[in-house]
Amino acid sequence: MDDDSQSTVDWNGIIRGMIARATESAPTEPGVYRMPCGECVVDFFITAEGNEHWLVAGDDRSYTRETVAIARHGDHPWERLYTLADAAREMARLAVANRGDIGRVLEELVESIDDREVERVVRERDEL
């Protein structure tokens, strides 16, 4: 390719098109999804005010539909893992298994999340 042919390529248009296609393929129903990268998991929910929030596991930032499409893409389709209703049913099942002690279920859930966070920090330190 010579310099003249490179200047005729609309790279901004190409990138905007890629973002638009990725954004269109993002889920519209709230739930927990495996993302197109095949590794990341996102919790997509809509607040009472009607605002979308996209929380990626292990990432402190809150994404928008567009920023998820830009930052987290890949060859895999979006895969719905479970809905909030599924999670509520599982919490109820665990509470019954613990003789109705929802406090214990929540404590175990928090401990599990804390353990995963510690494991992530240890892995990151080992990679340095």
N, C-alpha and C. Protein backbone atom coordinates (compact mmCIF):
# COMPACT_ATOMS: atom_id res chain seq x y z
N MET A 1 0.84 -1.18 0.00
CA MET A 1 0.00 0.00 0.00
C MET A 1 0.88 1.24 0.00
N ASP A 2 0.57 2.20 -0.85
CA ASP A 2 1.34 3.44 -0.84
C ASP A 2 0.68 4.46 0.07
N ASP A 3 1.34 5.58 0.27
CA ASP A 3 0.83 6.60 1.20
C ASP A 3 -0.53 7.15 0.79
N ASP A 4 -0.78 7.27 -0.54
CA ASP A 4 -2.06 7.82 -1.00
C ASP A 4 -3.23 6.90 -0.67
N SER A 5 -3.05 5.58 -0.81
CA SER A 5 -4.16 4.66 -0.54
C SER A 5 -4.45 4.58 0.95
N GLN A 6 -3.45 4.76 1.80
CA GLN A 6 -3.67 4.74 3.24
C GLN A 6 -4.50 5.94 3.69
N SER A 7 -4.33 7.07 3.03
CA SER A 7 -5.05 8.27 3.44
C SER A 7 -6.53 8.21 3.07
N THR A 8 -6.93 7.30 2.17
CA THR A 8 -8.33 7.22 1.78
C THR A 8 -9.14 6.26 2.66
N VAL A 9 -8.48 5.53 3.54
CA VAL A 9 -9.19 4.62 4.43
C VAL A 9 -9.79 5.41 5.59
N ASP A 10 -11.07 5.23 5.80
CA ASP A 10 -11.78 5.92 6.89
C ASP A 10 -11.69 5.08 8.16
N TRP A 11 -10.55 5.18 8.85
CA TRP A 11 -10.33 4.37 10.05
C TRP A 11 -11.33 4.70 11.14
N ASN A 12 -11.67 5.98 11.27
CA ASN A 12 -12.67 6.37 12.28
C ASN A 12 -14.01 5.70 12.00
N GLY A 13 -14.40 5.68 10.74
CA GLY A 13 -15.66 5.02 10.36
C GLY A 13 -15.62 3.53 10.61
N ILE A 14 -14.50 2.91 10.31
CA ILE A 14 -14.34 1.47 10.54
C ILE A 14 -14.46 1.17 12.03
N ILE A 15 -13.78 1.95 12.85
CA ILE A 15 -13.81 1.73 14.30
C ILE A 15 -15.21 1.99 14.85
N ARG A 16 -15.87 3.06 14.39
CA ARG A 16 -17.24 3.34 14.83
C ARG A 16 -18.18 2.18 14.47
N GLY A 17 -17.99 1.62 13.29
CA GLY A 17 -18.81 0.48 12.87
C GLY A 17 -18.58 -0.74 13.74
N MET A 18 -17.32 -1.00 14.09
CA MET A 18 -17.01 -2.13 14.97
C MET A 18 -17.66 -1.94 16.34
N ILE A 19 -17.57 -0.72 16.87
CA ILE A 19 -18.17 -0.43 18.17
C ILE A 19 -19.69 -0.59 18.10
N ALA A 20 -20.30 -0.10 17.02
CA ALA A 20 -21.76 -0.20 16.87
C ALA A 20 -22.20 -1.66 16.82
N ARG A 21 -21.47 -2.50 16.06
CA ARG A 21 -21.83 -3.92 15.98
C ARG A 21 -21.67 -4.60 17.34
N ALA A 22 -20.59 -4.29 18.04
CA ALA A 22 -20.36 -4.89 19.35
C ALA A 22 -21.42 -4.43 20.35
N THR A 23 -21.79 -3.17 20.28
CA THR A 23 -22.81 -2.62 21.18
C THR A 23 -24.17 -3.26 20.92
N GLU A 24 -24.50 -3.44 19.65
CA GLU A 24 -25.79 -4.04 19.29
C GLU A 24 -25.90 -5.48 19.77
N SER A 25 -24.77 -6.19 19.86
CA SER A 25 -24.82 -7.60 20.27
C SER A 25 -24.85 -7.77 21.78
N ALA A 26 -24.65 -6.68 22.54
CA ALA A 26 -24.66 -6.77 24.00
C ALA A 26 -26.07 -7.09 24.50
N PRO A 27 -26.18 -7.82 25.61
CA PRO A 27 -27.49 -8.20 26.14
C PRO A 27 -28.36 -6.99 26.48
N THR A 28 -29.66 -7.20 26.40
CA THR A 28 -30.61 -6.16 26.78
C THR A 28 -31.39 -6.55 28.04
N GLU A 29 -31.33 -7.81 28.43
CA GLU A 29 -31.99 -8.29 29.64
C GLU A 29 -30.99 -8.34 30.79
N PRO A 30 -31.30 -7.74 31.93
CA PRO A 30 -30.38 -7.81 33.07
C PRO A 30 -30.09 -9.25 33.47
N GLY A 31 -28.88 -9.45 33.94
CA GLY A 31 -28.45 -10.77 34.38
C GLY A 31 -26.94 -10.81 34.48
N VAL A 32 -26.42 -12.00 34.68
CA VAL A 32 -24.98 -12.21 34.74
C VAL A 32 -24.58 -12.97 33.49
N TYR A 33 -23.57 -12.46 32.79
CA TYR A 33 -23.18 -13.00 31.50
C TYR A 33 -21.67 -13.26 31.42
N ARG A 34 -21.31 -14.31 30.65
CA ARG A 34 -19.91 -14.48 30.25
C ARG A 34 -19.76 -13.62 29.00
N MET A 35 -18.68 -12.86 28.96
CA MET A 35 -18.49 -11.88 27.91
C MET A 35 -17.83 -12.49 26.67
N PRO A 36 -17.84 -11.78 25.54
CA PRO A 36 -17.28 -12.31 24.31
C PRO A 36 -15.80 -12.68 24.36
N CYS A 37 -15.06 -12.16 25.33
CA CYS A 37 -13.66 -12.56 25.45
C CYS A 37 -13.56 -14.02 25.90
N GLY A 38 -14.66 -14.55 26.46
CA GLY A 38 -14.70 -15.94 26.90
C GLY A 38 -14.22 -16.16 28.31
N GLU A 39 -13.67 -15.13 28.94
CA GLU A 39 -13.12 -15.27 30.28
C GLU A 39 -13.83 -14.40 31.31
N CYS A 40 -14.19 -13.20 30.93
CA CYS A 40 -14.76 -12.23 31.88
C CYS A 40 -16.24 -12.48 32.11
N VAL A 41 -16.68 -12.11 33.30
CA VAL A 41 -18.10 -12.21 33.67
C VAL A 41 -18.57 -10.81 34.05
N VAL A 42 -19.76 -10.44 33.57
CA VAL A 42 -20.31 -9.11 33.85
C VAL A 42 -21.70 -9.25 34.46
N ASP A 43 -21.96 -8.41 35.45
CA ASP A 43 -23.29 -8.31 36.05
C ASP A 43 -23.94 -7.07 35.45
N PHE A 44 -24.94 -7.28 34.62
CA PHE A 44 -25.64 -6.18 33.97
C PHE A 44 -26.97 -5.98 34.69
N PHE A 45 -27.19 -4.75 35.19
CA PHE A 45 -28.45 -4.45 35.86
C PHE A 45 -28.87 -3.03 35.56
N ILE A 46 -30.14 -2.77 35.80
CA ILE A 46 -30.71 -1.44 35.58
C ILE A 46 -31.19 -0.92 36.92
N THR A 47 -30.78 0.29 37.27
CA THR A 47 -31.16 0.88 38.56
C THR A 47 -32.62 1.33 38.53
N ALA A 48 -33.13 1.68 39.69
CA ALA A 48 -34.51 2.18 39.80
C ALA A 48 -34.71 3.44 38.96
N GLU A 49 -33.62 4.18 38.74
CA GLU A 49 -33.69 5.40 37.93
C GLU A 49 -33.65 5.09 36.44
N GLY A 50 -33.45 3.81 36.08
CA GLY A 50 -33.41 3.42 34.67
C GLY A 50 -32.02 3.44 34.05
N ASN A 51 -30.98 3.62 34.86
CA ASN A 51 -29.62 3.66 34.34
C ASN A 51 -29.03 2.25 34.27
N GLU A 52 -28.37 1.94 33.15
CA GLU A 52 -27.69 0.66 33.00
C GLU A 52 -26.35 0.70 33.73
N HIS A 53 -26.00 -0.40 34.37
CA HIS A 53 -24.68 -0.57 34.98
C HIS A 53 -24.14 -1.92 34.57
N TRP A 54 -22.85 -1.96 34.26
CA TRP A 54 -22.17 -3.17 33.84
C TRP A 54 -20.96 -3.33 34.75
N LEU A 55 -21.01 -4.29 35.66
CA LEU A 55 -19.92 -4.52 36.60
C LEU A 55 -19.19 -5.79 36.21
N VAL A 56 -17.91 -5.63 35.86
CA VAL A 56 -17.09 -6.77 35.45
C VAL A 56 -16.40 -7.33 36.69
N ALA A 57 -16.51 -8.63 36.87
CA ALA A 57 -15.91 -9.28 38.04
C ALA A 57 -14.41 -9.00 38.08
N GLY A 58 -13.93 -8.60 39.25
CA GLY A 58 -12.51 -8.32 39.43
C GLY A 58 -12.07 -6.95 38.97
N ASP A 59 -13.00 -6.12 38.51
CA ASP A 59 -12.68 -4.79 38.01
C ASP A 59 -13.49 -3.78 38.80
N ASP A 60 -12.83 -2.79 39.37
CA ASP A 60 -13.51 -1.81 40.22
C ASP A 60 -14.36 -0.81 39.45
N ARG A 61 -14.16 -0.70 38.14
CA ARG A 61 -14.89 0.29 37.36
C ARG A 61 -16.29 -0.18 37.02
N SER A 62 -17.18 0.76 36.80
CA SER A 62 -18.51 0.49 36.28
C SER A 62 -18.50 0.88 34.80
N TYR A 63 -18.94 -0.02 33.97
CA TYR A 63 -18.93 0.22 32.53
C TYR A 63 -20.31 0.64 32.04
N THR A 64 -20.35 1.14 30.81
CA THR A 64 -21.60 1.38 30.09
C THR A 64 -21.66 0.34 28.98
N ARG A 65 -22.78 0.27 28.31
CA ARG A 65 -22.92 -0.66 27.18
C ARG A 65 -21.80 -0.42 26.15
N GLU A 66 -21.52 0.84 25.87
CA GLU A 66 -20.51 1.17 24.87
C GLU A 66 -19.10 0.82 25.34
N THR A 67 -18.79 1.14 26.60
CA THR A 67 -17.42 0.87 27.06
C THR A 67 -17.18 -0.63 27.22
N VAL A 68 -18.22 -1.40 27.55
CA VAL A 68 -18.06 -2.85 27.57
C VAL A 68 -17.76 -3.34 26.17
N ALA A 69 -18.49 -2.83 25.19
CA ALA A 69 -18.28 -3.25 23.81
C ALA A 69 -16.88 -2.91 23.31
N ILE A 70 -16.36 -1.77 23.74
CA ILE A 70 -15.03 -1.35 23.31
C ILE A 70 -13.95 -2.13 24.03
N ALA A 71 -14.06 -2.20 25.35
CA ALA A 71 -12.98 -2.75 26.17
C ALA A 71 -13.00 -4.27 26.25
N ARG A 72 -14.13 -4.88 26.13
CA ARG A 72 -14.26 -6.32 26.36
C ARG A 72 -14.91 -6.97 25.14
N HIS A 73 -14.09 -7.40 24.21
CA HIS A 73 -14.64 -8.01 23.00
C HIS A 73 -13.90 -9.31 22.71
N GLY A 74 -14.42 -10.08 21.79
CA GLY A 74 -13.79 -11.34 21.44
C GLY A 74 -14.65 -12.12 20.46
N ASP A 75 -14.26 -13.37 20.25
CA ASP A 75 -14.91 -14.21 19.25
C ASP A 75 -16.08 -15.02 19.79
N HIS A 76 -16.27 -15.04 21.09
CA HIS A 76 -17.33 -15.86 21.68
C HIS A 76 -18.64 -15.07 21.75
N PRO A 77 -19.78 -15.76 21.70
CA PRO A 77 -21.05 -15.06 21.88
C PRO A 77 -21.26 -14.73 23.35
N TRP A 78 -22.12 -13.76 23.63
CA TRP A 78 -22.52 -13.49 25.01
C TRP A 78 -23.21 -14.74 25.53
N GLU A 79 -22.92 -15.15 26.76
CA GLU A 79 -23.54 -16.33 27.35
C GLU A 79 -24.17 -15.95 28.69
N ARG A 80 -25.48 -16.09 28.76
CA ARG A 80 -26.17 -15.76 30.00
C ARG A 80 -25.92 -16.87 31.01
N LEU A 81 -25.38 -16.51 32.17
CA LEU A 81 -25.08 -17.49 33.20
C LEU A 81 -26.26 -17.67 34.14
N TYR A 82 -26.81 -16.58 34.61
CA TYR A 82 -28.01 -16.65 35.44
C TYR A 82 -28.61 -15.27 35.59
N THR A 83 -29.85 -15.26 36.02
CA THR A 83 -30.56 -14.00 36.24
C THR A 83 -30.61 -13.71 37.73
N LEU A 84 -31.06 -12.53 38.08
CA LEU A 84 -31.22 -12.20 39.49
C LEU A 84 -32.26 -13.11 40.15
N ALA A 85 -33.27 -13.51 39.39
CA ALA A 85 -34.27 -14.44 39.93
C ALA A 85 -33.62 -15.79 40.25
N ASP A 86 -32.71 -16.24 39.37
CA ASP A 86 -31.97 -17.49 39.64
C ASP A 86 -31.17 -17.36 40.93
N ALA A 87 -30.50 -16.22 41.09
CA ALA A 87 -29.69 -16.00 42.29
C ALA A 87 -30.57 -15.97 43.54
N ALA A 88 -31.74 -15.35 43.45
CA ALA A 88 -32.65 -15.30 44.60
C ALA A 88 -33.13 -16.70 44.98
N ARG A 89 -33.43 -17.52 43.97
CA ARG A 89 -33.84 -18.90 44.24
C ARG A 89 -32.72 -19.68 44.92
N GLU A 90 -31.49 -19.48 44.46
CA GLU A 90 -30.35 -20.18 45.07
C GLU A 90 -30.14 -19.72 46.50
N MET A 91 -30.27 -18.43 46.76
CA MET A 91 -30.14 -17.93 48.14
C MET A 91 -31.23 -18.53 49.03
N ALA A 92 -32.44 -18.63 48.52
CA ALA A 92 -33.54 -19.23 49.30
C ALA A 92 -33.25 -20.70 49.58
N ARG A 93 -32.73 -21.41 48.58
CA ARG A 93 -32.39 -22.82 48.76
C ARG A 93 -31.32 -22.98 49.83
N LEU A 94 -30.29 -22.13 49.77
CA LEU A 94 -29.21 -22.19 50.77
C LEU A 94 -29.73 -21.85 52.16
N ALA A 95 -30.65 -20.90 52.24
CA ALA A 95 -31.22 -20.54 53.54
C ALA A 95 -31.99 -21.71 54.14
N VAL A 96 -32.76 -22.41 53.31
CA VAL A 96 -33.50 -23.58 53.80
C VAL A 96 -32.52 -24.65 54.27
N ALA A 97 -31.44 -24.86 53.50
CA ALA A 97 -30.43 -25.86 53.88
C ALA A 97 -29.74 -25.50 55.19
N ASN A 98 -29.72 -24.21 55.52
CA ASN A 98 -29.10 -23.74 56.77
C ASN A 98 -30.16 -23.42 57.82
N ARG A 99 -31.28 -24.12 57.76
CA ARG A 99 -32.38 -23.97 58.73
C ARG A 99 -32.90 -22.52 58.82
N GLY A 100 -32.97 -21.87 57.68
CA GLY A 100 -33.53 -20.52 57.63
C GLY A 100 -32.60 -19.41 58.07
N ASP A 101 -31.34 -19.75 58.30
CA ASP A 101 -30.37 -18.76 58.79
C ASP A 101 -29.76 -18.00 57.60
N ILE A 102 -30.49 -17.01 57.10
CA ILE A 102 -30.01 -16.23 55.96
C ILE A 102 -28.75 -15.46 56.31
N GLY A 103 -28.62 -15.06 57.57
CA GLY A 103 -27.40 -14.38 58.01
C GLY A 103 -26.17 -15.23 57.79
N ARG A 104 -26.28 -16.51 58.10
CA ARG A 104 -25.15 -17.43 57.88
C ARG A 104 -24.84 -17.57 56.40
N VAL A 105 -25.89 -17.68 55.58
CA VAL A 105 -25.69 -17.78 54.13
C VAL A 105 -24.95 -16.56 53.61
N LEU A 106 -25.36 -15.38 54.06
CA LEU A 106 -24.71 -14.14 53.61
C LEU A 106 -23.27 -14.06 54.10
N GLU A 107 -23.02 -14.48 55.34
CA GLU A 107 -21.65 -14.49 55.86
C GLU A 107 -20.76 -15.40 55.02
N GLU A 108 -21.26 -16.58 54.67
CA GLU A 108 -20.48 -17.51 53.85
C GLU A 108 -20.24 -16.94 52.46
N LEU A 109 -21.23 -16.25 51.92
CA LEU A 109 -21.08 -15.62 50.62
C LEU A 109 -20.00 -14.55 50.66
N VAL A 110 -20.03 -13.71 51.68
CA VAL A 110 -19.02 -12.65 51.84
C VAL A 110 -17.63 -13.27 52.01
N GLU A 111 -17.52 -14.31 52.82
CA GLU A 111 -16.23 -14.98 53.01
C GLU A 111 -15.71 -15.55 51.69
N SER A 112 -16.60 -16.13 50.90
CA SER A 112 -16.21 -16.68 49.61
C SER A 112 -15.70 -15.58 48.68
N ILE A 113 -16.38 -14.46 48.66
CA ILE A 113 -15.95 -13.33 47.83
C ILE A 113 -14.60 -12.81 48.31
N ASP A 114 -14.44 -12.67 49.62
CA ASP A 114 -13.16 -12.22 50.18
C ASP A 114 -12.04 -13.17 49.81
N ASP A 115 -12.29 -14.48 49.91
CA ASP A 115 -11.28 -15.48 49.56
C ASP A 115 -10.86 -15.35 48.10
N ARG A 116 -11.83 -15.14 47.22
CA ARG A 116 -11.51 -14.98 45.79
C ARG A 116 -10.68 -13.73 45.56
N GLU A 117 -11.00 -12.66 46.26
CA GLU A 117 -10.24 -11.41 46.10
C GLU A 117 -8.81 -11.60 46.58
N VAL A 118 -8.63 -12.30 47.69
CA VAL A 118 -7.28 -12.58 48.19
C VAL A 118 -6.51 -13.42 47.17
N GLU A 119 -7.16 -14.44 46.61
CA GLU A 119 -6.51 -15.27 45.60
C GLU A 119 -6.09 -14.44 44.39
N ARG A 120 -6.94 -13.51 43.97
CA ARG A 120 -6.62 -12.65 42.82
C ARG A 120 -5.40 -11.80 43.11
N VAL A 121 -5.33 -11.20 44.30
CA VAL A 121 -4.20 -10.36 44.68
C VAL A 121 -2.92 -11.19 44.72
N VAL A 122 -2.99 -12.39 45.27
CA VAL A 122 -1.81 -13.26 45.34
C VAL A 122 -1.34 -13.60 43.93
N ARG A 123 -2.27 -13.93 43.03
CA ARG A 123 -1.89 -14.24 41.64
C ARG A 123 -1.21 -13.05 40.99
N GLU A 124 -1.77 -11.85 41.19
CA GLU A 124 -1.18 -10.65 40.59
C GLU A 124 0.22 -10.40 41.12
N ARG A 125 0.43 -10.61 42.41
CA ARG A 125 1.76 -10.42 42.99
C ARG A 125 2.74 -11.45 42.45
N ASP A 126 2.28 -12.69 42.27
CA ASP A 126 3.15 -13.74 41.74
C ASP A 126 3.57 -13.45 40.31
N GLU A 127 2.73 -12.74 39.56
CA GLU A 127 3.03 -12.41 38.18
C GLU A 127 4.07 -11.30 38.05
N LEU A 128 4.29 -10.55 39.12
CA LEU A 128 5.25 -9.43 39.07
C LEU A 128 6.66 -9.90 39.05
